[in-house]
């Protein structure tokens, strides 16, 4: 699913944040940068893109983690519904062994962001997402399947200095 015209014309970067960025607000190592990331969403510098897989994971998280999403202005949010296209892409990452089968939701985050044609994805997951070899693998699969490359960073690399 591509973002519609009104989403594309919004000011700011279109950024998909995975669940680790929300939970990062409560982790001493990541709290400062995660909080600043969401402050930039609130300020309209970043257009936050969510997905069904993100909502699924947030519902299983402690309530204060879901409260981060609820605190954001809805005018700065867009949502990507899970589609068959995304499931095919997710499964392609797993088949290509970019990620192990037990990282199904991580692959789904990448597939949603890719199919949603976001500007970039942010995550604190350095094992399965924000890792040079993984990013190369995601992008190889993306190109083979007719998608553009996806840019993946930690929130620290995206927030204003």
C-alpha atoms as a PDB file:
ATOM      1  CA  UNK A   1       0.000   0.000   0.000  1.00  0.00           C
ATOM      2  CA  UNK A   2       1.384   3.387  -0.977  1.00  0.00           C
ATOM      3  CA  UNK A   3       0.740   6.458   1.137  1.00  0.00           C
ATOM      4  CA  UNK A   4      -2.008   8.594  -0.361  1.00  0.00           C
ATOM      5  CA  UNK A   5      -1.465  12.075  -1.838  1.00  0.00           C
ATOM      6  CA  UNK A   6      -2.377  13.940   1.351  1.00  0.00           C
ATOM      7  CA  UNK A   7       0.204  11.907   3.285  1.00  0.00           C
ATOM      8  CA  UNK A   8       2.871  12.596   0.672  1.00  0.00           C
ATOM      9  CA  UNK A   9       2.224  16.348   0.689  1.00  0.00           C
ATOM     10  CA  UNK A  10       2.612  16.600   4.465  1.00  0.00           C
ATOM     11  CA  UNK A  11       5.575  18.591   5.684  1.00  0.00           C
ATOM     12  CA  UNK A  12       8.405  16.712   7.288  1.00  0.00           C
ATOM     13  CA  UNK A  13       9.895  13.292   6.834  1.00  0.00           C
ATOM     14  CA  UNK A  14       7.574  10.272   6.568  1.00  0.00           C
ATOM     15  CA  UNK A  15       9.114   7.985   9.177  1.00  0.00           C
ATOM     16  CA  UNK A  16       8.057   4.508  10.245  1.00  0.00           C
ATOM     17  CA  UNK A  17       9.042   3.833  13.874  1.00  0.00           C
ATOM     18  CA  UNK A  18       9.043   0.270  15.119  1.00  0.00           C
ATOM     19  CA  UNK A  19       8.010  -0.744  18.632  1.00  0.00           C
ATOM     20  CA  UNK A  20      11.522  -0.400  20.050  1.00  0.00           C
ATOM     21  CA  UNK A  21      11.381   3.383  19.602  1.00  0.00           C
ATOM     22  CA  UNK A  22       8.215   3.594  21.729  1.00  0.00           C
ATOM     23  CA  UNK A  23       9.672   1.338  24.418  1.00  0.00           C
ATOM     24  CA  UNK A  24      12.921   3.287  24.165  1.00  0.00           C
ATOM     25  CA  UNK A  25      11.241   6.197  25.948  1.00  0.00           C
ATOM     26  CA  UNK A  26      11.463   4.080  29.121  1.00  0.00           C
ATOM     27  CA  UNK A  27      14.959   2.650  28.645  1.00  0.00           C
ATOM     28  CA  UNK A  28      17.778   4.656  30.259  1.00  0.00           C
ATOM     29  CA  UNK A  29      20.039   4.089  27.244  1.00  0.00           C
ATOM     30  CA  UNK A  30      17.496   5.289  24.643  1.00  0.00           C
ATOM     31  CA  UNK A  31      15.038   7.514  26.549  1.00  0.00           C
ATOM     32  CA  UNK A  32      16.543  10.887  25.655  1.00  0.00           C
ATOM     33  CA  UNK A  33      16.690  10.256  21.903  1.00  0.00           C
ATOM     34  CA  UNK A  34      13.341   8.410  21.722  1.00  0.00           C
ATOM     35  CA  UNK A  35      11.632  11.253  23.579  1.00  0.00           C
ATOM     36  CA  UNK A  36      13.235  13.823  21.290  1.00  0.00           C
ATOM     37  CA  UNK A  37      12.076  11.809  18.270  1.00  0.00           C
ATOM     38  CA  UNK A  38       8.464  11.937  19.450  1.00  0.00           C
ATOM     39  CA  UNK A  39       8.839  15.633  20.312  1.00  0.00           C
ATOM     40  CA  UNK A  40       9.703  16.170  16.638  1.00  0.00           C
ATOM     41  CA  UNK A  41       6.578  14.237  15.645  1.00  0.00           C
ATOM     42  CA  UNK A  42       4.533  16.502  17.926  1.00  0.00           C
ATOM     43  CA  UNK A  43       6.201  19.569  16.382  1.00  0.00           C
ATOM     44  CA  UNK A  44       5.292  18.410  12.868  1.00  0.00           C
ATOM     45  CA  UNK A  45       8.894  17.902  11.728  1.00  0.00           C
ATOM     46  CA  UNK A  46       8.260  14.175  11.374  1.00  0.00           C
ATOM     47  CA  UNK A  47       5.147  12.534   9.923  1.00  0.00           C
ATOM     48  CA  UNK A  48       4.892   9.262  11.868  1.00  0.00           C
ATOM     49  CA  UNK A  49       3.751   6.212   9.939  1.00  0.00           C
ATOM     50  CA  UNK A  50       2.278   3.318  11.937  1.00  0.00           C
ATOM     51  CA  UNK A  51       1.123  -0.137  10.893  1.00  0.00           C
ATOM     52  CA  UNK A  52      -1.046  -3.013  12.027  1.00  0.00           C
ATOM     53  CA  UNK A  53       2.043  -4.918  13.212  1.00  0.00           C
ATOM     54  CA  UNK A  54       3.127  -1.937  15.353  1.00  0.00           C
ATOM     55  CA  UNK A  55      -0.339  -1.706  16.937  1.00  0.00           C
ATOM     56  CA  UNK A  56      -0.334  -5.464  17.573  1.00  0.00           C
ATOM     57  CA  UNK A  57       2.985  -5.210  19.427  1.00  0.00           C
ATOM     58  CA  UNK A  58       2.014  -2.051  21.330  1.00  0.00           C
ATOM     59  CA  UNK A  59      -1.177  -3.721  22.584  1.00  0.00           C
ATOM     60  CA  UNK A  60       0.993  -6.430  24.152  1.00  0.00           C
ATOM     61  CA  UNK A  61       3.330  -3.852  25.730  1.00  0.00           C
ATOM     62  CA  UNK A  62       2.794  -2.160  29.099  1.00  0.00           C
ATOM     63  CA  UNK A  63       0.092   0.546  28.934  1.00  0.00           C
ATOM     64  CA  UNK A  64       2.581   3.412  29.362  1.00  0.00           C
ATOM     65  CA  UNK A  65       4.289   2.363  26.113  1.00  0.00           C
ATOM     66  CA  UNK A  66       0.988   2.533  24.177  1.00  0.00           C
ATOM     67  CA  UNK A  67       0.382   5.927  25.824  1.00  0.00           C
ATOM     68  CA  UNK A  68       3.271   7.365  23.777  1.00  0.00           C
ATOM     69  CA  UNK A  69       1.279   6.743  20.596  1.00  0.00           C
ATOM     70  CA  UNK A  70      -1.933   8.068  22.154  1.00  0.00           C
ATOM     71  CA  UNK A  71      -0.126  11.284  23.145  1.00  0.00           C
ATOM     72  CA  UNK A  72       0.766  12.148  19.541  1.00  0.00           C
ATOM     73  CA  UNK A  73      -1.387  14.544  17.497  1.00  0.00           C
ATOM     74  CA  UNK A  74      -3.419  12.528  14.996  1.00  0.00           C
ATOM     75  CA  UNK A  75      -2.715  15.173  12.351  1.00  0.00           C
ATOM     76  CA  UNK A  76       0.922  14.035  12.327  1.00  0.00           C
ATOM     77  CA  UNK A  77       0.135  10.322  11.950  1.00  0.00           C
ATOM     78  CA  UNK A  78      -0.713   7.991   9.089  1.00  0.00           C
ATOM     79  CA  UNK A  79      -1.450   4.267   9.242  1.00  0.00           C
ATOM     80  CA  UNK A  80      -0.563   1.404   6.917  1.00  0.00           C
ATOM     81  CA  UNK A  81      -2.889  -1.585   7.009  1.00  0.00           C
ATOM     82  CA  UNK A  82      -1.323  -5.001   6.600  1.00  0.00           C
ATOM     83  CA  UNK A  83      -1.880  -6.334   3.078  1.00  0.00           C
ATOM     84  CA  UNK A  84      -1.162  -9.547   1.207  1.00  0.00           C
ATOM     85  CA  UNK A  85       1.576  -7.619  -0.659  1.00  0.00           C
ATOM     86  CA  UNK A  86       3.339  -6.939   2.653  1.00  0.00           C
ATOM     87  CA  UNK A  87       3.023 -10.537   3.784  1.00  0.00           C
ATOM     88  CA  UNK A  88       4.651 -11.702   0.547  1.00  0.00           C
ATOM     89  CA  UNK A  89       7.500  -9.221   1.061  1.00  0.00           C
ATOM     90  CA  UNK A  90       7.862 -10.220   4.731  1.00  0.00           C
ATOM     91  CA  UNK A  91       8.085 -13.874   3.719  1.00  0.00           C
ATOM     92  CA  UNK A  92      10.657 -13.032   1.050  1.00  0.00           C
ATOM     93  CA  UNK A  93      12.974 -11.562   3.721  1.00  0.00           C
ATOM     94  CA  UNK A  94      12.607 -14.775   5.706  1.00  0.00           C
ATOM     95  CA  UNK A  95      13.089 -17.034   2.664  1.00  0.00           C
ATOM     96  CA  UNK A  96      16.238 -15.115   1.718  1.00  0.00           C
ATOM     97  CA  UNK A  97      17.432 -15.655   5.303  1.00  0.00           C
ATOM     98  CA  UNK A  98      17.870 -11.935   5.909  1.00  0.00           C
ATOM     99  CA  UNK A  99      16.094 -12.614   9.204  1.00  0.00           C
ATOM    100  CA  UNK A 100      15.398 -15.858  11.064  1.00  0.00           C
ATOM    101  CA  UNK A 101      11.822 -17.178  11.199  1.00  0.00           C
ATOM    102  CA  UNK A 102      11.513 -16.135  14.858  1.00  0.00           C
ATOM    103  CA  UNK A 103      11.886 -12.482  13.767  1.00  0.00           C
ATOM    104  CA  UNK A 104       8.591 -12.539  11.855  1.00  0.00           C
ATOM    105  CA  UNK A 105       7.339  -9.219  13.264  1.00  0.00           C
ATOM    106  CA  UNK A 106      10.656  -7.503  12.547  1.00  0.00           C
ATOM    107  CA  UNK A 107      10.358  -8.619   8.927  1.00  0.00           C
ATOM    108  CA  UNK A 108       6.754  -7.367   8.911  1.00  0.00           C
ATOM    109  CA  UNK A 109       7.886  -3.908  10.096  1.00  0.00           C
ATOM    110  CA  UNK A 110      10.356  -3.709   7.224  1.00  0.00           C
ATOM    111  CA  UNK A 111       7.757  -4.930   4.731  1.00  0.00           C
ATOM    112  CA  UNK A 112       5.166  -2.403   5.916  1.00  0.00           C
ATOM    113  CA  UNK A 113       7.632   0.477   5.710  1.00  0.00           C
ATOM    114  CA  UNK A 114       8.872  -0.639   2.292  1.00  0.00           C
ATOM    115  CA  UNK A 115       5.434  -1.206   0.763  1.00  0.00           C
ATOM    116  CA  UNK A 116       4.241   2.011   2.416  1.00  0.00           C
ATOM    117  CA  UNK A 117       7.012   3.888   0.598  1.00  0.00           C
ATOM    118  CA  UNK A 118       8.154   5.811   3.681  1.00  0.00           C
ATOM    119  CA  UNK A 119      11.218   8.050   3.656  1.00  0.00           C
ATOM    120  CA  UNK A 120      12.915   5.980   6.355  1.00  0.00           C
ATOM    121  CA  UNK A 121      12.449   3.541   9.197  1.00  0.00           C
ATOM    122  CA  UNK A 122      13.819   4.065  12.709  1.00  0.00           C
ATOM    123  CA  UNK A 123      14.522   1.377  15.273  1.00  0.00           C
ATOM    124  CA  UNK A 124      16.701   0.557  18.263  1.00  0.00           C
ATOM    125  CA  UNK A 125      16.805  -3.111  17.170  1.00  0.00           C
ATOM    126  CA  UNK A 126      20.472  -3.435  16.238  1.00  0.00           C
ATOM    127  CA  UNK A 127      20.320  -7.225  15.954  1.00  0.00           C
ATOM    128  CA  UNK A 128      17.597  -7.584  13.315  1.00  0.00           C
ATOM    129  CA  UNK A 129      16.973  -4.162  11.786  1.00  0.00           C
ATOM    130  CA  UNK A 130      19.584  -1.408  12.226  1.00  0.00           C
ATOM    131  CA  UNK A 131      22.522  -3.508  11.072  1.00  0.00           C
ATOM    132  CA  UNK A 132      24.603  -3.088   7.938  1.00  0.00           C
ATOM    133  CA  UNK A 133      24.270  -6.683   6.715  1.00  0.00           C
ATOM    134  CA  UNK A 134      20.527  -6.794   7.431  1.00  0.00           C
ATOM    135  CA  UNK A 135      19.899  -3.493   5.611  1.00  0.00           C
ATOM    136  CA  UNK A 136      21.819  -4.800   2.590  1.00  0.00           C
ATOM    137  CA  UNK A 137      19.712  -7.955   2.670  1.00  0.00           C
ATOM    138  CA  UNK A 138      16.407  -6.065   2.941  1.00  0.00           C
ATOM    139  CA  UNK A 139      17.384  -3.849   0.044  1.00  0.00           C
ATOM    140  CA  UNK A 140      18.524  -6.756  -2.135  1.00  0.00           C
ATOM    141  CA  UNK A 141      15.130  -8.420  -1.661  1.00  0.00           C
ATOM    142  CA  UNK A 142      13.348  -5.091  -2.208  1.00  0.00           C
ATOM    143  CA  UNK A 143      15.103  -4.518  -5.513  1.00  0.00           C
ATOM    144  CA  UNK A 144      14.461  -8.089  -6.688  1.00  0.00           C
ATOM    145  CA  UNK A 145      10.772  -7.633  -5.905  1.00  0.00           C
ATOM    146  CA  UNK A 146      10.447  -4.247  -7.600  1.00  0.00           C
ATOM    147  CA  UNK A 147      10.622  -1.949  -4.561  1.00  0.00           C
ATOM    148  CA  UNK A 148      13.030   0.874  -3.903  1.00  0.00           C
ATOM    149  CA  UNK A 149      15.678   0.627  -1.211  1.00  0.00           C
ATOM    150  CA  UNK A 150      14.689   1.477   2.328  1.00  0.00           C
ATOM    151  CA  UNK A 151      16.701   3.781   4.572  1.00  0.00           C
ATOM    152  CA  UNK A 152      17.074   2.473   8.125  1.00  0.00           C
ATOM    153  CA  UNK A 153      18.520   4.429  11.038  1.00  0.00           C
ATOM    154  CA  UNK A 154      18.411   4.716  14.804  1.00  0.00           C
ATOM    155  CA  UNK A 155      16.332   7.631  16.135  1.00  0.00           C
ATOM    156  CA  UNK A 156      19.581   9.280  17.269  1.00  0.00           C
ATOM    157  CA  UNK A 157      20.593   9.671  13.623  1.00  0.00           C
ATOM    158  CA  UNK A 158      17.267  11.252  12.635  1.00  0.00           C
ATOM    159  CA  UNK A 159      16.504  13.824  15.326  1.00  0.00           C
ATOM    160  CA  UNK A 160      17.575  17.446  15.030  1.00  0.00           C
ATOM    161  CA  UNK A 161      20.783  18.356  16.802  1.00  0.00           C
END
